[in-house]
C-alpha atoms as a PDB file:
ATOM      1  CA  MET A   1       0.000   0.000   0.000  1.00  0.00           C
ATOM      2  CA  SER A   2       2.866   2.309   0.853  1.00  0.00           C
ATOM      3  CA  THR A   3       4.498   2.063  -2.578  1.00  0.00           C
ATOM      4  CA  ILE A   4       1.208   2.820  -4.298  1.00  0.00           C
ATOM      5  CA  LEU A   5       0.869   5.967  -2.195  1.00  0.00           C
ATOM      6  CA  MET A   6       4.415   6.989  -3.038  1.00  0.00           C
ATOM      7  CA  VAL A   7       3.827   6.581  -6.763  1.00  0.00           C
ATOM      8  CA  ALA A   8       0.400   8.249  -6.501  1.00  0.00           C
ATOM      9  CA  GLY A   9       1.982  11.156  -4.659  1.00  0.00           C
ATOM     10  CA  GLY A  10       4.530  11.501  -7.443  1.00  0.00           C
ATOM     11  CA  VAL A  11       1.799  11.401 -10.096  1.00  0.00           C
ATOM     12  CA  LEU A  12      -0.311  14.014  -8.296  1.00  0.00           C
ATOM     13  CA  GLY A  13       2.745  16.205  -7.818  1.00  0.00           C
ATOM     14  CA  ALA A  14       3.532  15.873 -11.523  1.00  0.00           C
ATOM     15  CA  ILE A  15      -0.006  16.840 -12.498  1.00  0.00           C
ATOM     16  CA  GLY A  16       0.189  19.836 -10.174  1.00  0.00           C
ATOM     17  CA  GLN A  17       3.515  20.909 -11.694  1.00  0.00           C
ATOM     18  CA  ILE A  18       2.113  20.707 -15.199  1.00  0.00           C
ATOM     19  CA  GLN A  19      -1.029  22.664 -14.284  1.00  0.00           C
ATOM     20  CA  GLN A  20       1.018  25.311 -12.527  1.00  0.00           C
ATOM     21  CA  GLY A  21       3.321  25.605 -15.538  1.00  0.00           C
ATOM     22  CA  ARG A  22       0.381  25.919 -17.913  1.00  0.00           C
ATOM     23  CA  ALA A  23      -1.203  28.639 -15.778  1.00  0.00           C
ATOM     24  CA  GLN A  24       2.080  30.562 -15.552  1.00  0.00           C
ATOM     25  CA  SER A  25       2.630  30.141 -19.279  1.00  0.00           C
ATOM     26  CA  ALA A  26      -0.868  31.473 -19.990  1.00  0.00           C
ATOM     27  CA  ALA A  27      -0.195  34.501 -17.767  1.00  0.00           C
ATOM     28  CA  TYR A  28       3.070  35.233 -19.569  1.00  0.00           C
ATOM     29  CA  THR A  29       1.358  34.793 -22.937  1.00  0.00           C
ATOM     30  CA  ALA A  30      -1.362  37.281 -21.940  1.00  0.00           C
ATOM     31  CA  GLN A  31       1.289  39.762 -20.803  1.00  0.00           C
ATOM     32  CA  ALA A  32       3.144  39.293 -24.098  1.00  0.00           C
ATOM     33  CA  GLU A  33      -0.033  40.031 -26.040  1.00  0.00           C
ATOM     34  CA  ALA A  34      -0.703  43.144 -23.943  1.00  0.00           C
ATOM     35  CA  GLU A  35       2.829  44.394 -24.627  1.00  0.00           C
ATOM     36  CA  ARG A  36       2.425  43.681 -28.334  1.00  0.00           C
ATOM     37  CA  MET A  37      -0.761  45.758 -28.334  1.00  0.00           C
ATOM     38  CA  ASN A  38       1.052  48.535 -26.434  1.00  0.00           C
ATOM     39  CA  ALA A  39       3.701  48.479 -29.146  1.00  0.00           C
ATOM     40  CA  GLN A  40       1.040  48.876 -31.840  1.00  0.00           C
ATOM     41  CA  ILE A  41      -0.517  51.791 -29.973  1.00  0.00           C
ATOM     42  CA  ALA A  42       2.877  53.459 -29.553  1.00  0.00           C
ATOM     43  CA  GLY A  43       3.497  53.082 -33.301  1.00  0.00           C
ATOM     44  CA  ILE A  44       0.148  54.695 -34.063  1.00  0.00           C
ATOM     45  CA  ASN A  45       0.907  57.487 -31.591  1.00  0.00           C
ATOM     46  CA  ALA A  46       4.254  58.127 -33.317  1.00  0.00           C
ATOM     47  CA  ASP A  47       2.513  58.481 -36.672  1.00  0.00           C
ATOM     48  CA  MET A  48      -0.088  60.774 -35.132  1.00  0.00           C
ATOM     49  CA  ALA A  49       2.609  62.945 -33.522  1.00  0.00           C
ATOM     50  CA  ARG A  50       4.249  63.459 -36.910  1.00  0.00           C
ATOM     51  CA  SER A  51       0.920  64.151 -38.566  1.00  0.00           C
ATOM     52  CA  ASP A  52      -0.104  66.622 -35.855  1.00  0.00           C
ATOM     53  CA  ALA A  53       3.240  68.404 -36.196  1.00  0.00           C
ATOM     54  CA  LYS A  54       2.732  68.736 -39.952  1.00  0.00           C
ATOM     55  CA  VAL A  55      -0.727  70.204 -39.412  1.00  0.00           C
ATOM     56  CA  GLN A  56       0.601  72.637 -36.800  1.00  0.00           C
ATOM     57  CA  GLN A  57       3.512  73.531 -39.055  1.00  0.00           C
ATOM     58  CA  SER A  58       1.154  74.198 -41.949  1.00  0.00           C
ATOM     59  CA  GLN A  59      -1.091  76.307 -39.726  1.00  0.00           C
ATOM     60  CA  ALA A  60       1.902  78.305 -38.467  1.00  0.00           C
ATOM     61  CA  ALA A  61       3.026  78.907 -42.056  1.00  0.00           C
ATOM     62  CA  GLU A  62      -0.432  80.101 -43.005  1.00  0.00           C
ATOM     63  CA  ASP A  63      -0.627  82.373 -39.933  1.00  0.00           C
ATOM     64  CA  ALA A  64       2.837  83.787 -40.715  1.00  0.00           C
ATOM     65  CA  HIS A  65       1.861  84.393 -44.334  1.00  0.00           C
ATOM     66  CA  LYS A  66      -1.241  86.312 -43.240  1.00  0.00           C
ATOM     67  CA  ALA A  67       0.722  88.308 -40.634  1.00  0.00           C
ATOM     68  CA  MET A  68       3.383  89.206 -43.174  1.00  0.00           C
ATOM     69  CA  GLY A  69       0.660  90.292 -45.606  1.00  0.00           C
ATOM     70  CA  ARG A  70      -0.785  92.596 -42.952  1.00  0.00           C
ATOM     71  CA  GLN A  71       2.725  93.832 -42.220  1.00  0.00           C
ATOM     72  CA  ARG A  72       3.343  94.612 -45.922  1.00  0.00           C
ATOM     73  CA  ALA A  73       0.035  96.438 -46.112  1.00  0.00           C
ATOM     74  CA  ALA A  74       0.928  98.511 -43.053  1.00  0.00           C
ATOM     75  CA  LEU A  75       4.404  99.258 -44.434  1.00  0.00           C
ATOM     76  CA  ALA A  76       2.927 100.262 -47.794  1.00  0.00           C
ATOM     77  CA  GLN A  77       0.400 102.485 -46.099  1.00  0.00           C
ATOM     78  CA  GLY A  78       3.225 104.145 -44.153  1.00  0.00           C
ATOM     79  CA  GLY A  79       5.324 104.523 -47.297  1.00  0.00           C
ATOM     80  CA  MET A  80       8.103 102.192 -46.019  1.00  0.00           C
ATOM     81  CA  LEU A  81       7.424  99.028 -48.074  1.00  0.00           C
ATOM     82  CA  TYR A  82      10.507  99.368 -50.270  1.00  0.00           C
ATOM     83  CA  GLY A  83      12.851 101.050 -47.785  1.00  0.00           C
ATOM     84  CA  ALA A  84      15.666  99.448 -45.819  1.00  0.00           C
ATOM     85  CA  THR A  85      13.614  99.386 -42.615  1.00  0.00           C
ATOM     86  CA  GLY A  86      10.690  97.685 -44.327  1.00  0.00           C
ATOM     87  CA  ASN A  87      12.965  95.075 -45.915  1.00  0.00           C
ATOM     88  CA  LEU A  88      14.720  94.351 -42.620  1.00  0.00           C
ATOM     89  CA  LEU A  89      11.394  94.011 -40.815  1.00  0.00           C
ATOM     90  CA  GLN A  90      10.050  91.617 -43.454  1.00  0.00           C
ATOM     91  CA  GLU A  91      13.241  89.521 -43.430  1.00  0.00           C
ATOM     92  CA  GLU A  92      13.153  89.278 -39.640  1.00  0.00           C
ATOM     93  CA  SER A  93       9.489  88.280 -39.713  1.00  0.00           C
ATOM     94  CA  GLN A  94      10.246  85.567 -42.283  1.00  0.00           C
ATOM     95  CA  ARG A  95      13.152  84.239 -40.174  1.00  0.00           C
ATOM     96  CA  ASN A  96      10.916  84.123 -37.099  1.00  0.00           C
ATOM     97  CA  ALA A  97       8.213  82.266 -39.025  1.00  0.00           C
ATOM     98  CA  ASP A  98      10.764  79.772 -40.385  1.00  0.00           C
ATOM     99  CA  GLU A  99      12.193  79.177 -36.906  1.00  0.00           C
ATOM    100  CA  GLN A 100       8.729  78.624 -35.463  1.00  0.00           C
ATOM    101  CA  GLN A 101       7.898  76.067 -38.156  1.00  0.00           C
ATOM    102  CA  LEU A 102      11.214  74.311 -37.602  1.00  0.00           C
ATOM    103  CA  ALA A 103      10.592  74.187 -33.841  1.00  0.00           C
ATOM    104  CA  ILE A 104       7.157  72.652 -34.426  1.00  0.00           C
ATOM    105  CA  SER A 105       8.656  70.059 -36.778  1.00  0.00           C
ATOM    106  CA  ARG A 106      11.421  69.180 -34.321  1.00  0.00           C
ATOM    107  CA  GLN A 107       8.972  68.859 -31.446  1.00  0.00           C
ATOM    108  CA  GLY A 108       6.845  66.501 -33.536  1.00  0.00           C
ATOM    109  CA  GLU A 109       9.891  64.387 -34.383  1.00  0.00           C
ATOM    110  CA  ILE A 110      10.970  64.249 -30.726  1.00  0.00           C
ATOM    111  CA  GLU A 111       7.492  63.151 -29.691  1.00  0.00           C
ATOM    112  CA  ALA A 112       7.427  60.540 -32.460  1.00  0.00           C
ATOM    113  CA  LEU A 113      10.871  59.287 -31.408  1.00  0.00           C
ATOM    114  CA  ASN A 114       9.688  58.901 -27.812  1.00  0.00           C
ATOM    115  CA  TYR A 115       6.760  56.816 -29.034  1.00  0.00           C
ATOM    116  CA  LYS A 116       9.125  54.713 -31.164  1.00  0.00           C
ATOM    117  CA  ILE A 117      11.230  54.049 -28.067  1.00  0.00           C
ATOM    118  CA  GLN A 118       8.081  53.011 -26.188  1.00  0.00           C
ATOM    119  CA  ARG A 119       7.192  50.733 -29.092  1.00  0.00           C
ATOM    120  CA  SER A 120      10.620  49.148 -29.088  1.00  0.00           C
ATOM    121  CA  ASN A 121      10.516  48.615 -25.322  1.00  0.00           C
ATOM    122  CA  ALA A 122       7.049  47.064 -25.533  1.00  0.00           C
ATOM    123  CA  LEU A 123       8.151  44.692 -28.310  1.00  0.00           C
ATOM    124  CA  SER A 124      11.193  43.666 -26.282  1.00  0.00           C
ATOM    125  CA  SER A 125       9.033  43.068 -23.241  1.00  0.00           C
ATOM    126  CA  SER A 126       6.618  41.041 -25.347  1.00  0.00           C
ATOM    127  CA  ASN A 127       9.467  38.846 -26.588  1.00  0.00           C
ATOM    128  CA  VAL A 128      10.702  38.316 -23.025  1.00  0.00           C
ATOM    129  CA  MET A 129       7.191  37.332 -21.920  1.00  0.00           C
ATOM    130  CA  LYS A 130       6.921  34.849 -24.796  1.00  0.00           C
ATOM    131  CA  ALA A 131      10.252  33.302 -23.791  1.00  0.00           C
ATOM    132  CA  ASN A 132       9.107  33.170 -20.164  1.00  0.00           C
ATOM    133  CA  ALA A 133       5.920  31.384 -21.245  1.00  0.00           C
ATOM    134  CA  LYS A 134       7.926  28.745 -23.092  1.00  0.00           C
ATOM    135  CA  THR A 135      10.410  28.341 -20.244  1.00  0.00           C
ATOM    136  CA  SER A 136       7.595  28.058 -17.719  1.00  0.00           C
ATOM    137  CA  LYS A 137       5.962  25.252 -19.682  1.00  0.00           C
ATOM    138  CA  THR A 138       9.229  23.408 -20.178  1.00  0.00           C
ATOM    139  CA  GLY A 139      10.092  23.832 -16.502  1.00  0.00           C
ATOM    140  CA  SER A 140       6.753  22.413 -15.464  1.00  0.00           C
ATOM    141  CA  TYR A 141       7.273  19.278 -17.558  1.00  0.00           C
ATOM    142  CA  LEU A 142      10.764  18.816 -16.176  1.00  0.00           C
ATOM    143  CA  GLY A 143       9.460  19.355 -12.642  1.00  0.00           C
ATOM    144  CA  ALA A 144       6.692  16.834 -13.285  1.00  0.00           C
ATOM    145  CA  ALA A 145       9.179  14.286 -14.585  1.00  0.00           C
ATOM    146  CA  GLY A 146      11.338  14.864 -11.529  1.00  0.00           C
ATOM    147  CA  GLY A 147       8.335  14.381  -9.241  1.00  0.00           C
ATOM    148  CA  LEU A 148       7.401  11.136 -10.975  1.00  0.00           C
ATOM    149  CA  LEU A 149      10.944   9.838 -10.807  1.00  0.00           C
ATOM    150  CA  SER A 150      11.113  10.751  -7.140  1.00  0.00           C
ATOM    151  CA  GLY A 151       7.882   8.871  -6.389  1.00  0.00           C
ATOM    152  CA  VAL A 152       9.013   5.809  -8.332  1.00  0.00           C
ATOM    153  CA  SER A 153      12.437   5.980  -6.697  1.00  0.00           C
ATOM    154  CA  LYS A 154      10.920   6.055  -3.217  1.00  0.00           C
ATOM    155  CA  ALA A 155       8.676   3.127  -4.096  1.00  0.00           C
ATOM    156  CA  TYR A 156      11.650   1.156  -5.426  1.00  0.00           C
ATOM    157  CA  GLU A 157      13.694   2.016  -2.331  1.00  0.00           C
ATOM    158  CA  TYR A 158      10.845   0.808  -0.115  1.00  0.00           C
ATOM    159  CA  HIS A 159      10.619  -2.392  -2.150  1.00  0.00           C
ATOM    160  CA  SER A 160      14.392  -2.906  -1.898  1.00  0.00           C
ATOM    161  CA  GLN A 161      14.309  -2.546   1.867  1.00  0.00           C
ATOM    162  CA  THR A 162      11.163  -4.555   2.562  1.00  0.00           C
ATOM    163  CA  GLY A 163      10.817  -6.821  -0.440  1.00  0.00           C
ATOM    164  CA  LYS A 164       7.202  -5.724  -0.728  1.00  0.00           C
ATOM    165  CA  TRP A 165       5.491  -3.589  -3.347  1.00  0.00           C
ATOM    166  CA  MET A 166       2.560  -2.865  -1.088  1.00  0.00           C
END
């Protein structure tokens, strides 16, 4: 009877190991999928950041064009449109507009780069979780095999010492 209990204990332990490994593997797999989805979202956010920057840049260019038109009209009305002061003022206004558009573009690229980094990190995390899922499953099978061997070994040891299987 004792050897049967030893073997049964090993079998139950093995089943428990396998179930635990499957549950842990499923948890890692779910985490991997969540990280993969986070990576997709970060990629979309990067594209949106670039797109938003282009829209803002276009709007700034349009606003600058309108402001410079008003400035030219005011200079013409004051009789300074073609003078040195008028030219310097218009050049400075154009430089300021160009710098503003460049700053908007750079900010959009920085934001997009940050999202790309998030995407890369999420993909790496997803790959780690997938590896953990596989390792967890493999570990559970090895643990189960070890539990079975231990139960059989104890039963054989008992039989060797007593000459009985039960």
